[in-house]
Structure formats: C-alpha cells, structure tokens
N, C-alpha and C. Protein backbone atom coordinates (compact mmCIF):
# COMPACT_ATOMS: atom_id res chain seq x y z
N UNK A 1 15.97 -18.55 21.41
CA UNK A 1 17.04 -18.19 20.49
C UNK A 1 17.01 -16.67 20.30
N UNK A 2 18.15 -16.06 20.37
CA UNK A 2 18.27 -14.61 20.26
C UNK A 2 18.21 -14.19 18.79
N UNK A 3 17.56 -13.06 18.56
CA UNK A 3 17.49 -12.52 17.21
C UNK A 3 18.68 -11.60 17.00
N UNK A 4 19.35 -11.74 15.90
CA UNK A 4 20.50 -10.90 15.61
C UNK A 4 21.33 -11.51 14.51
N UNK A 5 22.51 -10.97 14.35
CA UNK A 5 23.43 -11.48 13.34
C UNK A 5 24.74 -11.88 14.02
N UNK A 6 25.40 -12.83 13.43
CA UNK A 6 26.63 -13.35 14.01
C UNK A 6 27.85 -12.68 13.39
N UNK A 7 28.84 -12.38 14.22
CA UNK A 7 30.08 -11.81 13.70
C UNK A 7 30.91 -12.88 12.99
N UNK A 8 30.53 -14.13 13.15
CA UNK A 8 31.25 -15.21 12.45
C UNK A 8 30.82 -15.31 11.00
N UNK A 9 29.61 -14.83 10.69
CA UNK A 9 29.10 -14.97 9.32
C UNK A 9 28.92 -13.63 8.61
N UNK A 10 29.14 -12.51 9.32
CA UNK A 10 28.95 -11.19 8.72
C UNK A 10 30.17 -10.31 8.97
N UNK A 11 30.36 -9.36 8.05
CA UNK A 11 31.48 -8.41 8.20
C UNK A 11 31.09 -7.34 9.22
N UNK A 12 32.06 -6.56 9.64
CA UNK A 12 31.80 -5.49 10.59
C UNK A 12 30.85 -4.46 10.00
N UNK A 13 30.98 -4.18 8.71
CA UNK A 13 30.09 -3.22 8.04
C UNK A 13 28.65 -3.73 8.07
N UNK A 14 28.45 -5.02 7.82
CA UNK A 14 27.11 -5.60 7.86
C UNK A 14 26.54 -5.56 9.29
N UNK A 15 27.38 -5.80 10.27
CA UNK A 15 26.94 -5.72 11.66
C UNK A 15 26.52 -4.29 12.03
N UNK A 16 27.31 -3.30 11.56
CA UNK A 16 26.99 -1.90 11.83
C UNK A 16 25.67 -1.50 11.16
N UNK A 17 25.49 -1.94 9.92
CA UNK A 17 24.25 -1.61 9.20
C UNK A 17 23.03 -2.20 9.91
N UNK A 18 23.16 -3.43 10.37
CA UNK A 18 22.06 -4.08 11.09
C UNK A 18 21.75 -3.31 12.38
N UNK A 19 22.78 -2.93 13.10
CA UNK A 19 22.59 -2.19 14.35
C UNK A 19 21.92 -0.84 14.09
N UNK A 20 22.32 -0.16 13.03
CA UNK A 20 21.73 1.13 12.70
C UNK A 20 20.26 1.01 12.33
N UNK A 21 19.91 -0.04 11.61
CA UNK A 21 18.52 -0.21 11.16
C UNK A 21 17.60 -0.64 12.29
N UNK A 22 18.15 -1.05 13.43
CA UNK A 22 17.33 -1.49 14.55
C UNK A 22 17.49 -0.60 15.78
N UNK A 23 18.05 0.58 15.61
CA UNK A 23 18.23 1.53 16.69
C UNK A 23 17.27 2.70 16.49
N UNK A 24 16.27 2.88 17.35
CA UNK A 24 15.27 3.94 17.17
C UNK A 24 15.86 5.35 17.11
N UNK A 25 17.08 5.56 17.60
CA UNK A 25 17.69 6.89 17.56
C UNK A 25 18.45 7.15 16.28
N UNK A 26 18.40 6.21 15.33
CA UNK A 26 19.19 6.33 14.12
C UNK A 26 18.31 6.70 12.93
N UNK A 27 18.88 7.48 12.00
CA UNK A 27 18.16 7.91 10.81
C UNK A 27 17.76 6.73 9.93
N UNK A 28 18.59 5.70 9.83
CA UNK A 28 18.28 4.52 9.02
C UNK A 28 17.05 3.79 9.57
N UNK A 29 16.92 3.73 10.88
CA UNK A 29 15.76 3.09 11.51
C UNK A 29 14.50 3.87 11.17
N UNK A 30 14.54 5.20 11.33
CA UNK A 30 13.37 6.02 11.04
C UNK A 30 12.99 5.94 9.57
N UNK A 31 13.97 5.87 8.69
CA UNK A 31 13.69 5.74 7.25
C UNK A 31 13.03 4.39 6.96
N UNK A 32 13.50 3.33 7.60
CA UNK A 32 12.92 2.00 7.39
C UNK A 32 11.47 1.97 7.86
N UNK A 33 11.20 2.57 9.00
CA UNK A 33 9.84 2.61 9.54
C UNK A 33 8.93 3.44 8.64
N UNK A 34 9.42 4.60 8.17
CA UNK A 34 8.62 5.46 7.29
C UNK A 34 8.29 4.73 5.99
N UNK A 35 9.27 4.03 5.43
CA UNK A 35 9.04 3.30 4.19
C UNK A 35 8.04 2.18 4.42
N UNK A 36 8.15 1.49 5.53
CA UNK A 36 7.20 0.42 5.85
C UNK A 36 5.78 0.97 5.98
N UNK A 37 5.64 2.13 6.60
CA UNK A 37 4.32 2.74 6.74
C UNK A 37 3.73 3.13 5.40
N UNK A 38 4.57 3.65 4.49
CA UNK A 38 4.09 4.02 3.15
C UNK A 38 3.61 2.79 2.39
N UNK A 39 4.38 1.72 2.47
CA UNK A 39 4.01 0.48 1.77
C UNK A 39 2.69 -0.06 2.33
N UNK A 40 2.56 -0.06 3.65
CA UNK A 40 1.33 -0.56 4.27
C UNK A 40 0.14 0.30 3.91
N UNK A 41 0.33 1.62 3.84
CA UNK A 41 -0.77 2.51 3.47
C UNK A 41 -1.19 2.25 2.04
N UNK A 42 -0.22 2.10 1.14
CA UNK A 42 -0.55 1.82 -0.25
C UNK A 42 -1.28 0.48 -0.37
N UNK A 43 -0.84 -0.50 0.39
CA UNK A 43 -1.48 -1.82 0.36
C UNK A 43 -2.92 -1.71 0.88
N UNK A 44 -3.12 -0.94 1.95
CA UNK A 44 -4.47 -0.78 2.51
C UNK A 44 -5.37 0.00 1.56
N UNK A 45 -4.82 1.02 0.87
CA UNK A 45 -5.61 1.78 -0.10
C UNK A 45 -6.05 0.88 -1.25
N UNK A 46 -5.17 0.00 -1.69
CA UNK A 46 -5.50 -0.91 -2.78
C UNK A 46 -6.60 -1.89 -2.34
N UNK A 47 -6.48 -2.41 -1.11
CA UNK A 47 -7.50 -3.32 -0.59
C UNK A 47 -8.84 -2.61 -0.48
N UNK A 48 -8.83 -1.35 -0.05
CA UNK A 48 -10.07 -0.59 0.07
C UNK A 48 -10.71 -0.36 -1.29
N UNK A 49 -9.89 -0.10 -2.32
CA UNK A 49 -10.41 0.11 -3.67
C UNK A 49 -11.05 -1.17 -4.20
N UNK A 50 -10.41 -2.30 -3.95
CA UNK A 50 -10.95 -3.58 -4.39
C UNK A 50 -12.27 -3.87 -3.68
N UNK A 51 -12.30 -3.61 -2.37
CA UNK A 51 -13.52 -3.85 -1.60
C UNK A 51 -14.65 -2.96 -2.12
N UNK A 52 -14.35 -1.71 -2.43
CA UNK A 52 -15.35 -0.79 -2.94
C UNK A 52 -15.88 -1.26 -4.30
N UNK A 53 -14.99 -1.72 -5.16
CA UNK A 53 -15.41 -2.20 -6.48
C UNK A 53 -16.29 -3.44 -6.35
N UNK A 54 -15.94 -4.35 -5.45
CA UNK A 54 -16.76 -5.55 -5.23
C UNK A 54 -18.13 -5.17 -4.70
N UNK A 55 -18.16 -4.19 -3.79
CA UNK A 55 -19.43 -3.74 -3.24
C UNK A 55 -20.29 -3.12 -4.33
N UNK A 56 -19.67 -2.33 -5.20
CA UNK A 56 -20.40 -1.70 -6.31
C UNK A 56 -20.99 -2.76 -7.23
N UNK A 57 -20.22 -3.80 -7.52
CA UNK A 57 -20.73 -4.90 -8.36
C UNK A 57 -21.90 -5.59 -7.68
N UNK A 58 -21.80 -5.80 -6.38
CA UNK A 58 -22.89 -6.43 -5.64
C UNK A 58 -24.15 -5.58 -5.74
N UNK A 59 -24.02 -4.26 -5.55
CA UNK A 59 -25.19 -3.39 -5.62
C UNK A 59 -25.78 -3.36 -7.01
N UNK A 60 -24.93 -3.38 -8.04
CA UNK A 60 -25.44 -3.39 -9.41
C UNK A 60 -26.22 -4.65 -9.70
N UNK A 61 -25.72 -5.79 -9.22
CA UNK A 61 -26.44 -7.05 -9.43
C UNK A 61 -27.75 -7.06 -8.64
N UNK A 62 -27.72 -6.53 -7.43
CA UNK A 62 -28.90 -6.54 -6.58
C UNK A 62 -30.01 -5.67 -7.15
N UNK A 63 -29.65 -4.50 -7.68
CA UNK A 63 -30.66 -3.58 -8.21
C UNK A 63 -30.99 -3.86 -9.67
N UNK A 64 -30.18 -4.65 -10.34
CA UNK A 64 -30.43 -4.96 -11.75
C UNK A 64 -29.87 -3.91 -12.69
N UNK A 65 -29.22 -2.90 -12.18
CA UNK A 65 -28.62 -1.87 -13.02
C UNK A 65 -27.18 -2.27 -13.29
N UNK A 66 -26.91 -2.71 -14.51
CA UNK A 66 -25.58 -3.19 -14.84
C UNK A 66 -24.82 -2.21 -15.73
N UNK A 67 -25.17 -0.96 -15.69
CA UNK A 67 -24.46 0.05 -16.47
C UNK A 67 -24.37 1.33 -15.65
N UNK A 68 -23.37 2.13 -15.91
CA UNK A 68 -23.26 3.39 -15.16
C UNK A 68 -24.35 4.37 -15.59
N UNK A 69 -24.83 5.14 -14.67
CA UNK A 69 -25.90 6.09 -14.96
C UNK A 69 -25.40 7.48 -15.32
N UNK A 70 -24.12 7.61 -15.54
CA UNK A 70 -23.53 8.89 -15.86
C UNK A 70 -23.73 9.20 -17.35
N UNK A 71 -24.36 10.32 -17.71
CA UNK A 71 -24.58 10.63 -19.12
C UNK A 71 -23.27 10.89 -19.88
N UNK A 72 -22.21 11.20 -19.17
CA UNK A 72 -20.93 11.44 -19.84
C UNK A 72 -20.42 10.17 -20.50
N UNK A 73 -20.89 9.02 -20.04
CA UNK A 73 -20.44 7.75 -20.60
C UNK A 73 -21.09 7.47 -21.94
N UNK A 74 -22.25 8.07 -22.21
CA UNK A 74 -23.01 7.73 -23.40
C UNK A 74 -23.01 8.83 -24.44
N UNK A 75 -22.39 9.94 -24.17
CA UNK A 75 -22.42 11.03 -25.12
C UNK A 75 -21.06 11.69 -25.17
N UNK A 76 -20.94 12.58 -26.11
CA UNK A 76 -19.72 13.35 -26.25
C UNK A 76 -19.70 14.41 -25.15
N UNK A 77 -18.67 14.45 -24.33
CA UNK A 77 -18.66 15.43 -23.23
C UNK A 77 -18.66 16.86 -23.70
N UNK A 78 -18.25 17.10 -24.94
CA UNK A 78 -18.22 18.47 -25.45
C UNK A 78 -19.61 18.93 -25.91
N UNK A 79 -20.56 17.99 -26.06
CA UNK A 79 -21.91 18.36 -26.42
C UNK A 79 -22.69 18.90 -25.21
N UNK A 80 -22.17 18.71 -24.03
CA UNK A 80 -22.87 19.12 -22.83
C UNK A 80 -22.74 20.61 -22.53
N UNK A 81 -21.95 21.31 -23.30
CA UNK A 81 -21.69 22.73 -23.02
C UNK A 81 -22.88 23.60 -23.23
C-alpha cells in the first residue's frame, strides 16, 4: 500500500502542504526535521537526567550515605563568606 494522501479526501491546499512537508528541498520539510530533532534531544536529555538520578540513589543506598555532603545544604550560605 502506498503512503500518501488521496485527492478524493483532501483539498488541493492539504495536498500541497503534505507535499511541501515531505520534500527535502522545501523549507517546511527542513523546519519539521529541525523541530523533530529538538524534541528528540529534549527527550534524551530528560532520560539521561532520570538515569543519573537513579544511579545517584543507587550509590547512596550502596554506601549508606542518604544525605548530600554539601555544607551549603546545612548552613546559611551567607555565613560562608
């Protein structure tokens, strides 16, 4: 079965828009690809952050240290001056 749109169910404007979005020489195609890449990058960054947080929790459980070791968390940051 061929992928595409039918002129029996779509207007000429819809057919033109579809053709533009699937033509590598068209600005609409390049914009669609760029947007897709941005979304995928954001999704991958989020997955990496989740993986890092899970790994940090694993290490905290393994070592028995269940609190951050940063002194800024336990004191007033302005007292450090």
